[in-house]
Amino acid sequence: MYHRILVAYDGSAGADKALHSAISTAKEHGAELHLVAVEEGLPRYAATADEIDAVKEQKDAYYQKLCARAEAEAAAAGIPITPHVLPGHPSTVIPDLGRELGCDLIVTGFHGHGNLHARIFGSTCREIILCSECPVLVVK
């Protein structure tokens, strides 16, 4: 049923659950598995270019570790995974990549910040669901 699956991964507990679910689903369906980690913005008002470079290096190292952890998890289950680290906001980057790759399922974790937080800041899961052209599985 599924041929290409995209899992959103940020290293959180909810993302870990989503990764496990995506690996299991990919294995069950013999699907290709992709991972997206969304790198949010660098500081806008740094005093020097060196400060920006230092933050960028820290972020790059963090996302490399995230991807390596996910790749090891998938490899242990016998599933290859293709990581993508992209800048932007998750609510647009994830659906856009899903379209670009031709995914037929997007898997994301649920953070559960509460109603007030969702009303003020919006719900990333909700935005991913609304903006995606394929089914979205939200794992709790």
Protein backbone atom coordinates (compact mmCIF):
# COMPACT_ATOMS: atom_id res chain seq x y z
CA MET A 1 0.00 0.00 0.00
CA TYR A 2 2.79 2.46 0.86
CA HIS A 3 5.77 2.88 -1.46
CA ARG A 4 7.54 5.98 -0.12
CA ILE A 5 7.32 7.16 3.50
CA LEU A 6 8.64 10.40 5.00
CA VAL A 7 9.20 10.63 8.74
CA ALA A 8 9.70 13.96 10.51
CA TYR A 9 12.44 13.67 13.13
CA ASP A 10 13.74 16.16 15.69
CA GLY A 11 15.06 13.79 18.35
CA SER A 12 12.15 14.33 20.76
CA ALA A 13 10.27 11.50 22.47
CA GLY A 14 7.36 11.98 20.05
CA ALA A 15 9.73 11.89 17.08
CA ASP A 16 11.29 8.67 18.38
CA LYS A 17 7.84 7.08 18.46
CA ALA A 18 7.18 8.34 14.93
CA LEU A 19 10.51 6.91 13.74
CA HIS A 20 9.71 3.48 15.23
CA SER A 21 6.29 3.53 13.58
CA ALA A 22 7.70 4.63 10.21
CA ILE A 23 10.38 1.92 10.28
CA SER A 24 7.79 -0.72 11.14
CA THR A 25 5.42 0.49 8.40
CA ALA A 26 8.23 0.66 5.82
CA LYS A 27 9.31 -2.86 6.70
CA GLU A 28 5.75 -4.18 6.54
CA HIS A 29 5.07 -2.62 3.11
CA GLY A 30 8.57 -2.85 1.61
CA ALA A 31 8.49 0.94 1.29
CA GLU A 32 11.32 3.39 0.71
CA LEU A 33 11.95 5.42 3.88
CA HIS A 34 13.05 9.06 4.04
CA LEU A 35 13.72 11.17 7.12
CA VAL A 36 13.47 14.94 7.37
CA ALA A 37 15.02 17.03 10.12
CA VAL A 38 14.07 20.69 9.88
CA GLU A 39 16.82 23.10 10.84
CA GLU A 40 15.21 26.25 12.12
CA GLY A 41 16.77 29.68 11.66
CA LEU A 42 20.17 30.93 12.65
CA PRO A 43 20.43 34.03 14.87
CA ARG A 44 19.63 37.19 12.93
CA TYR A 45 21.62 39.64 15.00
CA ALA A 46 25.02 38.14 15.65
CA ALA A 47 27.89 40.51 16.39
CA THR A 48 30.32 38.79 14.02
CA ALA A 49 30.36 36.35 11.14
CA ASP A 50 32.35 34.01 13.40
CA GLU A 51 29.40 33.81 15.80
CA ILE A 52 27.11 32.83 12.94
CA ASP A 53 29.63 30.22 11.75
CA ALA A 54 29.94 28.79 15.27
CA VAL A 55 26.16 28.44 15.64
CA LYS A 56 25.92 26.87 12.17
CA GLU A 57 28.64 24.35 13.07
CA GLN A 58 26.82 23.43 16.30
CA LYS A 59 23.54 22.96 14.44
CA ASP A 60 25.21 20.90 11.70
CA ALA A 61 26.80 18.61 14.32
CA TYR A 62 23.46 18.24 16.12
CA TYR A 63 21.59 17.28 12.94
CA GLN A 64 24.37 14.90 11.87
CA LYS A 65 23.97 13.11 15.23
CA LEU A 66 20.19 13.00 14.82
CA CYS A 67 20.46 11.49 11.36
CA ALA A 68 23.11 8.98 12.46
CA ARG A 69 20.88 7.87 15.35
CA ALA A 70 17.92 7.38 13.00
CA GLU A 71 20.05 5.59 10.40
CA ALA A 72 21.34 3.19 13.08
CA GLU A 73 17.79 2.52 14.29
CA ALA A 74 16.59 1.80 10.74
CA ALA A 75 19.65 -0.32 9.92
CA ALA A 76 19.02 -2.45 13.01
CA ALA A 77 15.58 -3.22 11.54
CA GLY A 78 17.10 -3.92 8.12
CA ILE A 79 15.61 -0.79 6.52
CA PRO A 80 17.67 1.77 4.60
CA ILE A 81 16.74 5.38 5.31
CA THR A 82 17.58 8.52 3.36
CA PRO A 83 18.07 11.58 5.60
CA HIS A 84 17.28 15.16 4.54
CA VAL A 85 18.21 18.17 6.70
CA LEU A 86 16.45 21.27 5.42
CA PRO A 87 16.13 24.82 6.72
CA GLY A 88 12.77 26.44 7.37
CA HIS A 89 9.64 25.81 9.39
CA PRO A 90 8.39 22.22 9.82
CA SER A 91 4.81 23.07 8.84
CA THR A 92 5.92 24.00 5.31
CA VAL A 93 9.18 22.08 4.81
CA ILE A 94 7.70 18.66 5.64
CA PRO A 95 4.68 18.80 3.27
CA ASP A 96 6.84 20.37 0.53
CA LEU A 97 9.43 17.59 0.75
CA GLY A 98 6.65 14.99 0.85
CA ARG A 99 5.32 16.38 -2.46
CA GLU A 100 8.79 16.65 -3.99
CA LEU A 101 9.62 13.03 -3.14
CA GLY A 102 6.19 11.71 -4.13
CA CYS A 103 5.53 10.27 -0.68
CA ASP A 104 2.31 8.44 -0.01
CA LEU A 105 2.60 8.72 3.79
CA ILE A 106 4.10 11.27 6.19
CA VAL A 107 4.72 10.18 9.79
CA THR A 108 5.20 12.74 12.55
CA GLY A 109 5.24 12.73 16.32
CA PHE A 110 2.86 14.61 18.59
CA HIS A 111 4.23 16.93 21.26
CA GLY A 112 1.00 17.78 23.08
CA HIS A 113 1.70 21.33 24.26
CA GLY A 114 -1.92 21.96 25.19
CA ASN A 115 -4.81 24.08 23.92
CA LEU A 116 -3.48 27.48 24.95
CA HIS A 117 -0.11 26.92 23.28
CA ALA A 118 -1.80 25.64 20.11
CA ARG A 119 -4.15 28.63 19.98
CA ILE A 120 -1.35 31.15 20.40
CA PHE A 121 1.40 29.53 18.33
CA GLY A 122 -0.56 27.07 16.19
CA SER A 123 -0.14 23.35 15.94
CA THR A 124 2.65 22.08 13.73
CA CYS A 125 0.90 18.70 13.32
CA ARG A 126 -2.29 20.45 12.25
CA GLU A 127 -0.42 22.55 9.68
CA ILE A 128 1.39 19.49 8.31
CA ILE A 129 -1.94 17.69 7.93
CA LEU A 130 -3.57 20.67 6.22
CA CYS A 131 -0.68 21.32 3.82
CA SER A 132 0.11 17.71 2.85
CA GLU A 133 -1.27 16.03 -0.23
CA CYS A 134 -0.86 12.53 1.18
CA PRO A 135 -2.08 10.88 4.40
CA VAL A 136 -0.34 11.96 7.61
CA LEU A 137 0.08 9.60 10.54
CA VAL A 138 0.46 11.44 13.86
CA VAL A 139 1.98 9.14 16.47
CA LYS A 140 1.31 9.78 20.18
